[in-house]
N, C-alpha and C. Protein backbone atom coordinates (compact mmCIF):
# COMPACT_ATOMS: atom_id res chain seq x y z
N MET A 1 0.85 -1.17 0.00
CA MET A 1 0.00 0.00 0.00
C MET A 1 0.90 1.23 0.00
N SER A 2 0.54 2.23 -0.81
CA SER A 2 1.34 3.45 -0.92
C SER A 2 1.05 4.37 0.27
N VAL A 3 1.84 5.41 0.40
CA VAL A 3 1.66 6.40 1.45
C VAL A 3 0.32 7.10 1.28
N LYS A 4 -0.06 7.39 0.01
CA LYS A 4 -1.35 8.02 -0.25
C LYS A 4 -2.49 7.12 0.19
N GLY A 5 -2.36 5.82 -0.05
CA GLY A 5 -3.40 4.87 0.34
C GLY A 5 -3.55 4.79 1.85
N ILE A 6 -2.43 4.83 2.56
CA ILE A 6 -2.46 4.78 4.03
C ILE A 6 -3.13 6.06 4.56
N ARG A 7 -2.77 7.21 3.98
CA ARG A 7 -3.37 8.48 4.42
C ARG A 7 -4.88 8.45 4.21
N ARG A 8 -5.32 7.95 3.05
CA ARG A 8 -6.76 7.87 2.79
C ARG A 8 -7.46 6.95 3.78
N ALA A 9 -6.85 5.82 4.09
CA ALA A 9 -7.44 4.87 5.03
C ALA A 9 -7.54 5.49 6.42
N VAL A 10 -6.48 6.18 6.86
CA VAL A 10 -6.49 6.82 8.18
C VAL A 10 -7.52 7.95 8.20
N LEU A 11 -7.59 8.75 7.14
CA LEU A 11 -8.57 9.82 7.06
C LEU A 11 -9.99 9.26 7.08
N GLY A 12 -10.21 8.17 6.37
CA GLY A 12 -11.53 7.53 6.35
C GLY A 12 -11.92 7.02 7.72
N LEU A 13 -10.97 6.37 8.42
CA LEU A 13 -11.26 5.88 9.78
C LEU A 13 -11.54 7.03 10.74
N ALA A 14 -10.76 8.09 10.64
CA ALA A 14 -10.96 9.25 11.53
C ALA A 14 -12.31 9.90 11.26
N THR A 15 -12.68 10.02 10.00
CA THR A 15 -13.97 10.62 9.66
C THR A 15 -15.12 9.77 10.19
N THR A 16 -14.99 8.43 10.03
CA THR A 16 -16.03 7.53 10.52
C THR A 16 -16.14 7.61 12.04
N ALA A 17 -15.01 7.62 12.73
CA ALA A 17 -15.03 7.70 14.20
C ALA A 17 -15.62 9.02 14.66
N LEU A 18 -15.26 10.12 14.00
CA LEU A 18 -15.79 11.42 14.37
C LEU A 18 -17.30 11.47 14.15
N ALA A 19 -17.75 10.98 13.02
CA ALA A 19 -19.19 10.96 12.74
C ALA A 19 -19.93 10.09 13.74
N GLY A 20 -19.35 8.96 14.10
CA GLY A 20 -19.96 8.09 15.10
C GLY A 20 -20.04 8.76 16.44
N GLY A 21 -18.99 9.50 16.82
CA GLY A 21 -18.99 10.22 18.09
C GLY A 21 -20.04 11.30 18.12
N ILE A 22 -20.21 12.00 17.03
CA ILE A 22 -21.24 13.03 16.96
C ILE A 22 -22.61 12.40 17.06
N ALA A 23 -22.80 11.29 16.39
CA ALA A 23 -24.09 10.61 16.46
C ALA A 23 -24.39 10.16 17.88
N LEU A 24 -23.37 9.68 18.58
CA LEU A 24 -23.60 9.21 19.95
C LEU A 24 -23.91 10.37 20.88
N THR A 25 -23.22 11.48 20.73
CA THR A 25 -23.49 12.59 21.64
C THR A 25 -24.80 13.28 21.30
N GLY A 26 -25.29 13.14 20.08
CA GLY A 26 -26.56 13.76 19.70
C GLY A 26 -27.75 12.90 20.04
N ALA A 27 -27.53 11.69 20.52
CA ALA A 27 -28.64 10.78 20.80
C ALA A 27 -29.39 11.21 22.05
N GLY A 28 -30.67 10.88 22.11
CA GLY A 28 -31.48 11.16 23.29
C GLY A 28 -32.51 12.24 23.02
N THR A 29 -33.64 12.12 23.70
CA THR A 29 -34.72 13.08 23.51
C THR A 29 -35.22 13.60 24.85
N ALA A 30 -34.33 13.69 25.82
CA ALA A 30 -34.75 14.15 27.14
C ALA A 30 -35.27 15.58 27.07
N SER A 31 -36.32 15.86 27.82
CA SER A 31 -36.91 17.18 27.86
C SER A 31 -36.81 17.71 29.27
N ALA A 32 -36.18 18.86 29.41
CA ALA A 32 -36.06 19.46 30.74
C ALA A 32 -37.18 20.47 30.92
N SER A 33 -37.65 20.60 32.14
CA SER A 33 -38.68 21.59 32.43
C SER A 33 -38.15 22.52 33.52
N SER A 34 -38.75 23.69 33.60
CA SER A 34 -38.38 24.62 34.66
C SER A 34 -39.64 25.34 35.13
N GLY A 35 -39.56 25.81 36.34
CA GLY A 35 -40.70 26.50 36.93
C GLY A 35 -41.64 25.51 37.58
N GLY A 36 -42.91 25.83 37.53
CA GLY A 36 -43.91 24.99 38.19
C GLY A 36 -43.99 25.30 39.66
N GLY A 37 -44.70 24.45 40.39
CA GLY A 37 -44.87 24.65 41.82
C GLY A 37 -46.32 24.92 42.15
N CYS A 38 -46.55 25.53 43.31
CA CYS A 38 -47.91 25.73 43.82
C CYS A 38 -48.17 27.21 44.11
N ALA A 39 -49.46 27.55 44.07
CA ALA A 39 -49.88 28.92 44.41
C ALA A 39 -51.26 28.85 45.03
N GLY A 40 -51.57 29.86 45.83
CA GLY A 40 -52.90 29.96 46.41
C GLY A 40 -52.96 29.57 47.87
N PRO A 41 -54.06 29.96 48.53
CA PRO A 41 -54.26 29.60 49.93
C PRO A 41 -54.62 28.12 50.07
N ASP A 42 -54.59 27.62 51.30
CA ASP A 42 -54.86 26.19 51.55
C ASP A 42 -56.21 25.73 51.01
N TRP A 43 -57.20 26.59 50.97
CA TRP A 43 -58.54 26.13 50.57
C TRP A 43 -58.70 26.03 49.06
N LYS A 44 -57.71 26.50 48.28
CA LYS A 44 -57.77 26.36 46.82
C LYS A 44 -56.36 26.37 46.22
N GLN A 45 -55.49 25.53 46.75
CA GLN A 45 -54.11 25.49 46.29
C GLN A 45 -54.02 24.77 44.94
N THR A 46 -53.31 25.40 43.99
CA THR A 46 -53.21 24.87 42.63
C THR A 46 -51.74 24.70 42.28
N CYS A 47 -51.38 23.48 41.86
CA CYS A 47 -49.98 23.14 41.58
C CYS A 47 -49.83 22.60 40.16
N ILE A 48 -48.62 22.74 39.60
CA ILE A 48 -48.30 22.14 38.31
C ILE A 48 -46.85 21.66 38.36
N ASN A 49 -46.60 20.48 37.77
CA ASN A 49 -45.24 19.96 37.73
C ASN A 49 -45.10 19.03 36.52
N ALA A 50 -43.87 18.68 36.22
CA ALA A 50 -43.58 17.79 35.09
C ALA A 50 -42.72 16.64 35.57
N GLY A 51 -42.91 15.49 34.94
CA GLY A 51 -42.12 14.31 35.25
C GLY A 51 -42.59 13.14 34.42
N GLY A 52 -41.66 12.30 34.02
CA GLY A 52 -42.03 11.10 33.25
C GLY A 52 -42.66 11.43 31.91
N GLY A 53 -42.30 12.56 31.30
CA GLY A 53 -42.86 12.92 30.01
C GLY A 53 -44.29 13.45 30.08
N GLN A 54 -44.72 13.86 31.27
CA GLN A 54 -46.09 14.34 31.46
C GLN A 54 -46.10 15.65 32.23
N VAL A 55 -47.19 16.38 32.11
CA VAL A 55 -47.43 17.57 32.91
C VAL A 55 -48.66 17.30 33.77
N SER A 56 -48.54 17.49 35.07
CA SER A 56 -49.64 17.20 35.99
C SER A 56 -50.07 18.43 36.75
N ALA A 57 -51.38 18.58 36.89
CA ALA A 57 -51.97 19.64 37.72
C ALA A 57 -52.57 18.98 38.94
N GLN A 58 -52.33 19.56 40.09
CA GLN A 58 -52.93 19.05 41.32
C GLN A 58 -53.60 20.22 42.03
N VAL A 59 -54.87 20.02 42.34
CA VAL A 59 -55.64 21.04 43.04
C VAL A 59 -56.11 20.44 44.37
N THR A 60 -55.85 21.18 45.45
CA THR A 60 -56.30 20.77 46.77
C THR A 60 -57.27 21.83 47.29
N THR A 61 -58.47 21.39 47.65
CA THR A 61 -59.48 22.30 48.17
C THR A 61 -59.87 21.87 49.58
N ASN A 62 -60.46 22.81 50.31
CA ASN A 62 -60.93 22.51 51.66
C ASN A 62 -62.15 23.39 51.93
N PHE A 63 -63.35 22.80 51.73
CA PHE A 63 -64.60 23.53 51.85
C PHE A 63 -65.43 23.00 53.01
N ALA A 64 -66.19 23.90 53.61
CA ALA A 64 -67.15 23.49 54.63
C ALA A 64 -68.40 22.90 53.98
N SER A 65 -68.61 23.23 52.71
CA SER A 65 -69.80 22.79 51.99
C SER A 65 -69.39 22.32 50.61
N ASN A 66 -70.24 21.49 50.01
CA ASN A 66 -69.96 21.04 48.65
C ASN A 66 -70.88 21.76 47.65
N ASN A 67 -71.25 22.98 47.95
CA ASN A 67 -72.22 23.73 47.17
C ASN A 67 -71.53 24.49 46.02
N CYS A 68 -70.74 23.76 45.20
CA CYS A 68 -70.07 24.38 44.06
C CYS A 68 -69.66 23.30 43.06
N THR A 69 -69.18 23.76 41.92
CA THR A 69 -68.62 22.87 40.90
C THR A 69 -67.18 23.30 40.69
N GLU A 70 -66.29 22.33 40.62
CA GLU A 70 -64.87 22.60 40.45
C GLU A 70 -64.46 22.24 39.02
N GLN A 71 -63.71 23.12 38.38
CA GLN A 71 -63.16 22.85 37.06
C GLN A 71 -61.65 22.97 37.15
N ILE A 72 -60.95 21.98 36.61
CA ILE A 72 -59.49 22.02 36.55
C ILE A 72 -59.10 22.12 35.08
N ILE A 73 -58.25 23.11 34.78
CA ILE A 73 -57.81 23.34 33.41
C ILE A 73 -56.28 23.33 33.39
N ILE A 74 -55.70 22.65 32.40
CA ILE A 74 -54.28 22.81 32.11
C ILE A 74 -54.22 23.66 30.84
N TRP A 75 -53.69 24.87 31.00
CA TRP A 75 -53.58 25.81 29.89
C TRP A 75 -52.24 25.66 29.19
N ASP A 76 -52.25 25.72 27.87
CA ASP A 76 -51.03 25.84 27.07
C ASP A 76 -50.94 27.32 26.72
N TYR A 77 -50.16 28.08 27.49
CA TYR A 77 -50.05 29.52 27.28
C TYR A 77 -49.32 29.86 25.99
N THR A 78 -48.56 28.91 25.44
CA THR A 78 -47.86 29.16 24.18
C THR A 78 -48.85 29.26 23.03
N THR A 79 -49.87 28.40 23.03
CA THR A 79 -50.88 28.42 21.97
C THR A 79 -52.12 29.21 22.37
N GLY A 80 -52.25 29.52 23.68
CA GLY A 80 -53.41 30.25 24.16
C GLY A 80 -54.66 29.38 24.24
N SER A 81 -54.49 28.08 24.41
CA SER A 81 -55.64 27.18 24.42
C SER A 81 -55.60 26.25 25.63
N GLN A 82 -56.75 25.64 25.89
CA GLN A 82 -56.83 24.64 26.95
C GLN A 82 -56.26 23.33 26.43
N ALA A 83 -55.28 22.78 27.15
CA ALA A 83 -54.73 21.48 26.78
C ALA A 83 -55.63 20.37 27.32
N LEU A 84 -56.19 20.57 28.52
CA LEU A 84 -57.11 19.61 29.16
C LEU A 84 -58.05 20.38 30.08
N SER A 85 -59.24 19.82 30.27
CA SER A 85 -60.21 20.42 31.19
C SER A 85 -61.15 19.34 31.71
N THR A 86 -61.48 19.42 32.98
CA THR A 86 -62.45 18.50 33.56
C THR A 86 -63.22 19.23 34.66
N SER A 87 -64.47 18.83 34.89
CA SER A 87 -65.31 19.43 35.94
C SER A 87 -65.95 18.33 36.77
N PHE A 88 -66.21 18.67 38.03
CA PHE A 88 -66.87 17.73 38.94
C PHE A 88 -67.41 18.51 40.14
N PRO A 89 -68.36 17.94 40.88
CA PRO A 89 -68.89 18.62 42.06
C PRO A 89 -67.81 18.78 43.13
N CYS A 90 -67.85 19.90 43.83
CA CYS A 90 -66.92 20.12 44.94
C CYS A 90 -67.19 19.11 46.05
N HIS A 91 -66.17 18.87 46.87
CA HIS A 91 -66.27 17.95 48.00
C HIS A 91 -66.20 18.73 49.30
N SER A 92 -66.88 18.25 50.32
CA SER A 92 -66.76 18.83 51.66
C SER A 92 -65.46 18.35 52.27
N GLY A 93 -64.80 19.23 53.03
CA GLY A 93 -63.54 18.86 53.66
C GLY A 93 -62.38 18.97 52.69
N GLN A 94 -61.23 18.47 53.14
CA GLN A 94 -60.04 18.55 52.29
C GLN A 94 -60.11 17.49 51.20
N TYR A 95 -59.83 17.92 49.97
CA TYR A 95 -59.88 17.02 48.82
C TYR A 95 -58.79 17.42 47.84
N SER A 96 -58.10 16.42 47.29
CA SER A 96 -57.03 16.67 46.34
C SER A 96 -57.30 15.89 45.06
N TYR A 97 -57.11 16.54 43.93
CA TYR A 97 -57.36 15.92 42.63
C TYR A 97 -56.17 16.20 41.71
N THR A 98 -55.69 15.18 41.01
CA THR A 98 -54.58 15.32 40.07
C THR A 98 -55.06 15.00 38.66
N TYR A 99 -54.70 15.84 37.73
CA TYR A 99 -55.10 15.69 36.33
C TYR A 99 -53.82 15.77 35.50
N THR A 100 -53.64 14.84 34.54
CA THR A 100 -52.36 14.72 33.84
C THR A 100 -52.50 14.85 32.33
N LEU A 101 -51.63 15.67 31.76
CA LEU A 101 -51.49 15.82 30.31
C LEU A 101 -50.38 14.87 29.88
N THR A 102 -50.72 13.86 29.08
CA THR A 102 -49.75 12.81 28.74
C THR A 102 -48.91 13.13 27.51
N ASN A 103 -49.26 14.17 26.76
CA ASN A 103 -48.50 14.48 25.55
C ASN A 103 -48.14 15.97 25.47
N PRO A 104 -47.43 16.50 26.48
CA PRO A 104 -47.09 17.92 26.43
C PRO A 104 -46.10 18.20 25.29
N THR A 105 -46.11 19.42 24.82
CA THR A 105 -45.22 19.82 23.72
C THR A 105 -43.97 20.49 24.29
N PRO A 106 -42.79 19.97 23.95
CA PRO A 106 -41.56 20.60 24.44
C PRO A 106 -41.47 22.07 24.01
N GLY A 107 -40.97 22.90 24.92
CA GLY A 107 -40.82 24.32 24.65
C GLY A 107 -42.06 25.15 24.95
N HIS A 108 -43.15 24.50 25.40
CA HIS A 108 -44.39 25.24 25.68
C HIS A 108 -44.48 25.62 27.15
N ASN A 109 -45.28 26.66 27.40
CA ASN A 109 -45.52 27.19 28.73
C ASN A 109 -46.89 26.71 29.19
N TYR A 110 -46.94 26.00 30.32
CA TYR A 110 -48.20 25.47 30.85
C TYR A 110 -48.51 26.08 32.20
N LYS A 111 -49.81 26.22 32.48
CA LYS A 111 -50.31 26.65 33.80
C LYS A 111 -51.53 25.81 34.13
N ALA A 112 -51.72 25.56 35.41
CA ALA A 112 -52.95 24.92 35.88
C ALA A 112 -53.86 26.00 36.45
N GLU A 113 -55.16 25.80 36.28
CA GLU A 113 -56.14 26.73 36.84
C GLU A 113 -57.25 25.93 37.50
N ALA A 114 -57.61 26.34 38.70
CA ALA A 114 -58.79 25.79 39.38
C ALA A 114 -59.86 26.87 39.34
N ARG A 115 -61.04 26.51 38.81
CA ARG A 115 -62.19 27.41 38.83
C ARG A 115 -63.24 26.80 39.74
N LEU A 116 -63.80 27.62 40.60
CA LEU A 116 -64.80 27.18 41.56
C LEU A 116 -66.08 27.96 41.28
N TYR A 117 -67.06 27.29 40.69
CA TYR A 117 -68.34 27.90 40.32
C TYR A 117 -69.30 27.76 41.49
N TRP A 118 -69.67 28.89 42.11
CA TRP A 118 -70.53 28.87 43.28
C TRP A 118 -71.99 28.70 42.87
N GLN A 119 -72.76 28.04 43.71
CA GLN A 119 -74.19 27.80 43.45
C GLN A 119 -75.00 28.87 44.16
N PRO A 120 -76.09 29.29 43.68
CA PRO A 120 -76.67 28.97 42.37
C PRO A 120 -76.30 30.05 41.35
N GLY A 121 -75.27 29.84 40.58
CA GLY A 121 -74.88 30.74 39.51
C GLY A 121 -74.39 32.11 39.94
N SER A 122 -73.74 32.18 41.09
CA SER A 122 -73.31 33.48 41.62
C SER A 122 -71.88 33.82 41.21
N GLY A 123 -71.40 33.27 40.11
CA GLY A 123 -70.05 33.57 39.64
C GLY A 123 -69.05 32.50 40.03
N TYR A 124 -67.79 32.80 39.82
CA TYR A 124 -66.76 31.83 40.18
C TYR A 124 -65.51 32.51 40.70
N ASP A 125 -64.73 31.74 41.41
CA ASP A 125 -63.43 32.14 41.92
C ASP A 125 -62.41 31.28 41.19
N TYR A 126 -61.15 31.72 41.13
CA TYR A 126 -60.15 30.90 40.45
C TYR A 126 -58.79 31.06 41.12
N GLN A 127 -57.91 30.12 40.81
CA GLN A 127 -56.53 30.17 41.28
C GLN A 127 -55.65 29.60 40.17
N LEU A 128 -54.61 30.34 39.79
CA LEU A 128 -53.64 29.88 38.79
C LEU A 128 -52.38 29.38 39.48
N SER A 129 -51.76 28.37 38.88
CA SER A 129 -50.46 27.89 39.34
C SER A 129 -49.37 28.80 38.76
N PRO A 130 -48.14 28.64 39.23
CA PRO A 130 -47.02 29.32 38.57
C PRO A 130 -46.82 28.74 37.15
N ASP A 131 -46.02 29.42 36.34
CA ASP A 131 -45.71 28.93 35.00
C ASP A 131 -44.81 27.70 35.07
N LEU A 132 -45.04 26.78 34.14
CA LEU A 132 -44.17 25.62 33.96
C LEU A 132 -43.72 25.63 32.51
N TRP A 133 -42.42 25.73 32.30
CA TRP A 133 -41.86 25.64 30.94
C TRP A 133 -41.42 24.21 30.73
N TYR A 134 -42.05 23.54 29.77
CA TYR A 134 -41.76 22.12 29.54
C TYR A 134 -40.69 21.96 28.49
């Protein structure tokens, strides 16, 4: 083998190794999130967090009466739309409910909101969580 042939072989091996190294370091689809947490008083605390590829909202209420309807919303503030929403009758005493978005979009800003609709149709109160950047 000539000197030119050896140089080409070494250059080819180095190029292949470098490309392989780049491919290895570029592998993975991990998504980091920042922010999140809880906000609000004990009787309507609203939290949002991320983990396991999901975004979860947790609302804890503490009412003397169940004379209301509770709505939990996970907002996608990046698109300005509701990612998820559910409603159910309020519970007497301390009650905690967790609602999970299983397909959040990386790079989006999410917030949880608890809406409490008072009976009979006298308006509603709400509590927003801090921002969560997924």
